[in-house]
Amino acid sequence: MECHNYMEDIVRNTLENLLSKRNDVCKCEKCTLDMMALALNNLPPKYVVTDKGRVYTKIAELELQLRTDVVREITKAIDKVKKAPQH
């Protein structure tokens, strides 16, 4: 196993879910990666090395405040990229 920022998985999954409900924003790879980067830069990292750490972090993902923070940052990132896409 390697050192991994589990927040990337959380953001990727949440972003995919939010984008699937929107038709007003570009979903190309560049725009999607820009949205991920913007959101991740405003969220705390959650590094894991072991499967046990991954399980604890997955449990923490269920906390309402974490989910709220992730959705808020992704929504801001979507709006920013929508206004000025870099592709």
N, C-alpha and C. Protein backbone atom coordinates (compact mmCIF):
# COMPACT_ATOMS: atom_id res chain seq x y z
N MET A 1 0.85 -1.18 0.00
CA MET A 1 0.00 0.00 0.00
C MET A 1 0.89 1.23 0.00
N GLU A 2 0.40 2.28 -0.53
CA GLU A 2 1.14 3.54 -0.61
C GLU A 2 0.41 4.63 0.17
N CYS A 3 1.08 5.72 0.39
CA CYS A 3 0.47 6.88 1.05
C CYS A 3 -0.49 7.52 0.05
N HIS A 4 -1.71 7.75 0.49
CA HIS A 4 -2.74 8.26 -0.42
C HIS A 4 -3.61 9.28 0.30
N ASN A 5 -3.91 10.37 -0.38
CA ASN A 5 -4.82 11.38 0.16
C ASN A 5 -6.24 10.93 -0.16
N TYR A 6 -6.92 10.36 0.81
CA TYR A 6 -8.26 9.83 0.62
C TYR A 6 -9.26 10.93 0.27
N MET A 7 -8.93 12.18 0.61
CA MET A 7 -9.82 13.29 0.27
C MET A 7 -10.00 13.36 -1.24
N GLU A 8 -8.99 12.94 -2.01
CA GLU A 8 -9.12 12.93 -3.47
C GLU A 8 -10.26 12.01 -3.91
N ASP A 9 -10.38 10.87 -3.27
CA ASP A 9 -11.46 9.93 -3.61
C ASP A 9 -12.82 10.52 -3.25
N ILE A 10 -12.89 11.15 -2.09
CA ILE A 10 -14.14 11.76 -1.64
C ILE A 10 -14.55 12.85 -2.62
N VAL A 11 -13.61 13.72 -2.99
CA VAL A 11 -13.91 14.83 -3.90
C VAL A 11 -14.27 14.29 -5.28
N ARG A 12 -13.53 13.32 -5.78
CA ARG A 12 -13.80 12.76 -7.11
C ARG A 12 -15.22 12.19 -7.17
N ASN A 13 -15.58 11.38 -6.19
CA ASN A 13 -16.91 10.76 -6.17
C ASN A 13 -18.02 11.80 -6.02
N THR A 14 -17.81 12.76 -5.16
CA THR A 14 -18.82 13.80 -4.96
C THR A 14 -18.95 14.68 -6.19
N LEU A 15 -17.83 15.02 -6.81
CA LEU A 15 -17.85 15.83 -8.02
C LEU A 15 -18.59 15.11 -9.14
N GLU A 16 -18.30 13.84 -9.33
CA GLU A 16 -18.99 13.06 -10.36
C GLU A 16 -20.50 13.07 -10.12
N ASN A 17 -20.89 12.91 -8.88
CA ASN A 17 -22.31 12.91 -8.52
C ASN A 17 -22.95 14.26 -8.82
N LEU A 18 -22.29 15.34 -8.41
CA LEU A 18 -22.84 16.68 -8.63
C LEU A 18 -22.89 17.03 -10.12
N LEU A 19 -21.85 16.68 -10.86
CA LEU A 19 -21.82 17.00 -12.29
C LEU A 19 -22.86 16.20 -13.07
N SER A 20 -23.19 15.01 -12.60
CA SER A 20 -24.19 14.20 -13.30
C SER A 20 -25.57 14.86 -13.29
N LYS A 21 -25.76 15.79 -12.36
CA LYS A 21 -27.05 16.47 -12.22
C LYS A 21 -27.07 17.83 -12.91
N ARG A 22 -25.95 18.20 -13.54
CA ARG A 22 -25.85 19.53 -14.16
C ARG A 22 -25.56 19.41 -15.65
N ASN A 23 -26.22 20.26 -16.41
CA ASN A 23 -25.98 20.32 -17.85
C ASN A 23 -25.45 21.67 -18.28
N ASP A 24 -25.17 22.53 -17.32
CA ASP A 24 -24.78 23.91 -17.62
C ASP A 24 -23.28 24.16 -17.46
N VAL A 25 -22.50 23.09 -17.32
CA VAL A 25 -21.07 23.26 -17.09
C VAL A 25 -20.30 22.22 -17.91
N CYS A 26 -19.12 22.62 -18.37
CA CYS A 26 -18.27 21.72 -19.15
C CYS A 26 -17.77 20.58 -18.25
N LYS A 27 -17.79 19.38 -18.80
CA LYS A 27 -17.36 18.21 -18.03
C LYS A 27 -16.15 17.53 -18.67
N CYS A 28 -15.41 18.29 -19.49
CA CYS A 28 -14.21 17.71 -20.11
C CYS A 28 -13.18 17.41 -19.01
N GLU A 29 -12.18 16.62 -19.36
CA GLU A 29 -11.18 16.20 -18.37
C GLU A 29 -10.47 17.39 -17.74
N LYS A 30 -10.09 18.38 -18.55
CA LYS A 30 -9.38 19.56 -18.03
C LYS A 30 -10.23 20.31 -17.02
N CYS A 31 -11.48 20.57 -17.37
CA CYS A 31 -12.36 21.30 -16.45
C CYS A 31 -12.62 20.51 -15.17
N THR A 32 -12.83 19.21 -15.32
CA THR A 32 -13.07 18.35 -14.15
C THR A 32 -11.86 18.34 -13.23
N LEU A 33 -10.67 18.22 -13.79
CA LEU A 33 -9.45 18.24 -12.97
C LEU A 33 -9.25 19.61 -12.31
N ASP A 34 -9.57 20.68 -13.02
CA ASP A 34 -9.48 22.02 -12.43
C ASP A 34 -10.42 22.13 -11.23
N MET A 35 -11.63 21.62 -11.38
CA MET A 35 -12.61 21.65 -10.27
C MET A 35 -12.09 20.86 -9.08
N MET A 36 -11.54 19.68 -9.35
CA MET A 36 -10.98 18.86 -8.27
C MET A 36 -9.86 19.58 -7.55
N ALA A 37 -8.94 20.16 -8.32
CA ALA A 37 -7.79 20.85 -7.72
C ALA A 37 -8.25 22.03 -6.87
N LEU A 38 -9.17 22.82 -7.38
CA LEU A 38 -9.66 23.97 -6.61
C LEU A 38 -10.30 23.52 -5.31
N ALA A 39 -11.13 22.50 -5.37
CA ALA A 39 -11.79 22.00 -4.16
C ALA A 39 -10.78 21.42 -3.18
N LEU A 40 -9.86 20.59 -3.68
CA LEU A 40 -8.87 19.95 -2.80
C LEU A 40 -7.97 20.97 -2.11
N ASN A 41 -7.66 22.07 -2.79
CA ASN A 41 -6.81 23.09 -2.18
C ASN A 41 -7.50 23.79 -1.01
N ASN A 42 -8.80 23.65 -0.90
CA ASN A 42 -9.54 24.29 0.18
C ASN A 42 -10.09 23.30 1.20
N LEU A 43 -9.67 22.06 1.09
CA LEU A 43 -10.11 21.02 2.04
C LEU A 43 -8.90 20.40 2.71
N PRO A 44 -9.07 19.94 3.95
CA PRO A 44 -7.93 19.30 4.64
C PRO A 44 -7.62 17.94 4.03
N PRO A 45 -6.34 17.61 3.87
CA PRO A 45 -6.00 16.28 3.36
C PRO A 45 -6.34 15.20 4.38
N LYS A 46 -6.61 14.01 3.89
CA LYS A 46 -6.88 12.84 4.74
C LYS A 46 -5.99 11.71 4.23
N TYR A 47 -4.73 11.72 4.68
CA TYR A 47 -3.78 10.72 4.20
C TYR A 47 -3.98 9.39 4.90
N VAL A 48 -3.92 8.32 4.12
CA VAL A 48 -4.01 6.97 4.67
C VAL A 48 -2.87 6.14 4.08
N VAL A 49 -2.43 5.17 4.85
CA VAL A 49 -1.37 4.27 4.40
C VAL A 49 -1.84 2.83 4.47
N THR A 50 -2.70 2.53 5.42
CA THR A 50 -3.15 1.15 5.61
C THR A 50 -4.64 1.02 5.29
N ASP A 51 -5.07 -0.20 5.13
CA ASP A 51 -6.49 -0.45 4.92
C ASP A 51 -7.30 -0.02 6.14
N LYS A 52 -6.72 -0.18 7.32
CA LYS A 52 -7.40 0.24 8.55
C LYS A 52 -7.60 1.75 8.53
N GLY A 53 -6.60 2.49 8.11
CA GLY A 53 -6.72 3.95 8.01
C GLY A 53 -7.78 4.34 7.00
N ARG A 54 -7.86 3.60 5.91
CA ARG A 54 -8.88 3.86 4.88
C ARG A 54 -10.28 3.66 5.46
N VAL A 55 -10.45 2.63 6.28
CA VAL A 55 -11.75 2.37 6.90
C VAL A 55 -12.12 3.50 7.85
N TYR A 56 -11.19 3.93 8.69
CA TYR A 56 -11.47 5.04 9.62
C TYR A 56 -11.83 6.31 8.87
N THR A 57 -11.13 6.58 7.79
CA THR A 57 -11.40 7.78 7.01
C THR A 57 -12.75 7.67 6.33
N LYS A 58 -13.09 6.48 5.84
CA LYS A 58 -14.40 6.27 5.20
C LYS A 58 -15.51 6.52 6.21
N ILE A 59 -15.31 6.11 7.43
CA ILE A 59 -16.31 6.36 8.49
C ILE A 59 -16.43 7.86 8.74
N ALA A 60 -15.31 8.55 8.78
CA ALA A 60 -15.33 10.00 9.01
C ALA A 60 -16.06 10.72 7.88
N GLU A 61 -16.01 10.13 6.67
CA GLU A 61 -16.69 10.71 5.52
C GLU A 61 -18.19 10.82 5.75
N LEU A 62 -18.72 9.98 6.61
CA LEU A 62 -20.14 9.99 6.88
C LEU A 62 -20.58 11.17 7.74
N GLU A 63 -19.63 11.85 8.36
CA GLU A 63 -19.96 12.98 9.22
C GLU A 63 -20.56 14.11 8.38
N LEU A 64 -21.64 14.67 8.88
CA LEU A 64 -22.37 15.70 8.15
C LEU A 64 -21.50 16.91 7.84
N GLN A 65 -20.67 17.35 8.78
CA GLN A 65 -19.85 18.54 8.55
C GLN A 65 -18.85 18.31 7.41
N LEU A 66 -18.24 17.14 7.36
CA LEU A 66 -17.29 16.85 6.29
C LEU A 66 -18.00 16.85 4.93
N ARG A 67 -19.14 16.20 4.87
CA ARG A 67 -19.89 16.17 3.60
C ARG A 67 -20.31 17.56 3.18
N THR A 68 -20.74 18.37 4.15
CA THR A 68 -21.14 19.75 3.86
C THR A 68 -19.97 20.55 3.32
N ASP A 69 -18.81 20.42 3.97
CA ASP A 69 -17.61 21.14 3.52
C ASP A 69 -17.20 20.73 2.11
N VAL A 70 -17.25 19.44 1.83
CA VAL A 70 -16.86 18.95 0.51
C VAL A 70 -17.81 19.48 -0.56
N VAL A 71 -19.10 19.40 -0.33
CA VAL A 71 -20.08 19.88 -1.31
C VAL A 71 -19.93 21.38 -1.52
N ARG A 72 -19.70 22.12 -0.44
CA ARG A 72 -19.54 23.57 -0.54
C ARG A 72 -18.33 23.92 -1.42
N GLU A 73 -17.20 23.28 -1.16
CA GLU A 73 -15.99 23.59 -1.92
C GLU A 73 -16.09 23.15 -3.37
N ILE A 74 -16.72 22.03 -3.61
CA ILE A 74 -16.90 21.58 -4.99
C ILE A 74 -17.84 22.52 -5.74
N THR A 75 -18.90 22.95 -5.09
CA THR A 75 -19.84 23.87 -5.72
C THR A 75 -19.16 25.18 -6.09
N LYS A 76 -18.32 25.68 -5.19
CA LYS A 76 -17.56 26.90 -5.50
C LYS A 76 -16.62 26.67 -6.67
N ALA A 77 -15.98 25.51 -6.70
CA ALA A 77 -15.05 25.19 -7.79
C ALA A 77 -15.78 25.07 -9.12
N ILE A 78 -16.93 24.43 -9.12
CA ILE A 78 -17.73 24.30 -10.34
C ILE A 78 -18.10 25.68 -10.88
N ASP A 79 -18.56 26.55 -10.00
CA ASP A 79 -18.96 27.90 -10.41
C ASP A 79 -17.77 28.69 -10.98
N LYS A 80 -16.61 28.54 -10.35
CA LYS A 80 -15.42 29.26 -10.80
C LYS A 80 -14.97 28.78 -12.18
N VAL A 81 -14.94 27.48 -12.37
CA VAL A 81 -14.52 26.92 -13.65
C VAL A 81 -15.56 27.23 -14.73
N LYS A 82 -16.81 27.19 -14.36
CA LYS A 82 -17.89 27.50 -15.31
C LYS A 82 -17.71 28.92 -15.87
N LYS A 83 -17.35 29.85 -15.00
CA LYS A 83 -17.19 31.26 -15.41
C LYS A 83 -15.94 31.48 -16.27
N ALA A 84 -14.90 30.67 -16.05
CA ALA A 84 -13.64 30.87 -16.79
C ALA A 84 -12.96 29.53 -17.08
N PRO A 85 -13.53 28.71 -17.96
CA PRO A 85 -12.90 27.43 -18.26
C PRO A 85 -11.54 27.64 -18.94
N GLN A 86 -10.61 26.74 -18.66
CA GLN A 86 -9.24 26.86 -19.18
C GLN A 86 -8.95 25.92 -20.34
N HIS A 87 -9.96 25.30 -20.90
CA HIS A 87 -9.74 24.37 -22.02
C HIS A 87 -9.70 25.10 -23.35
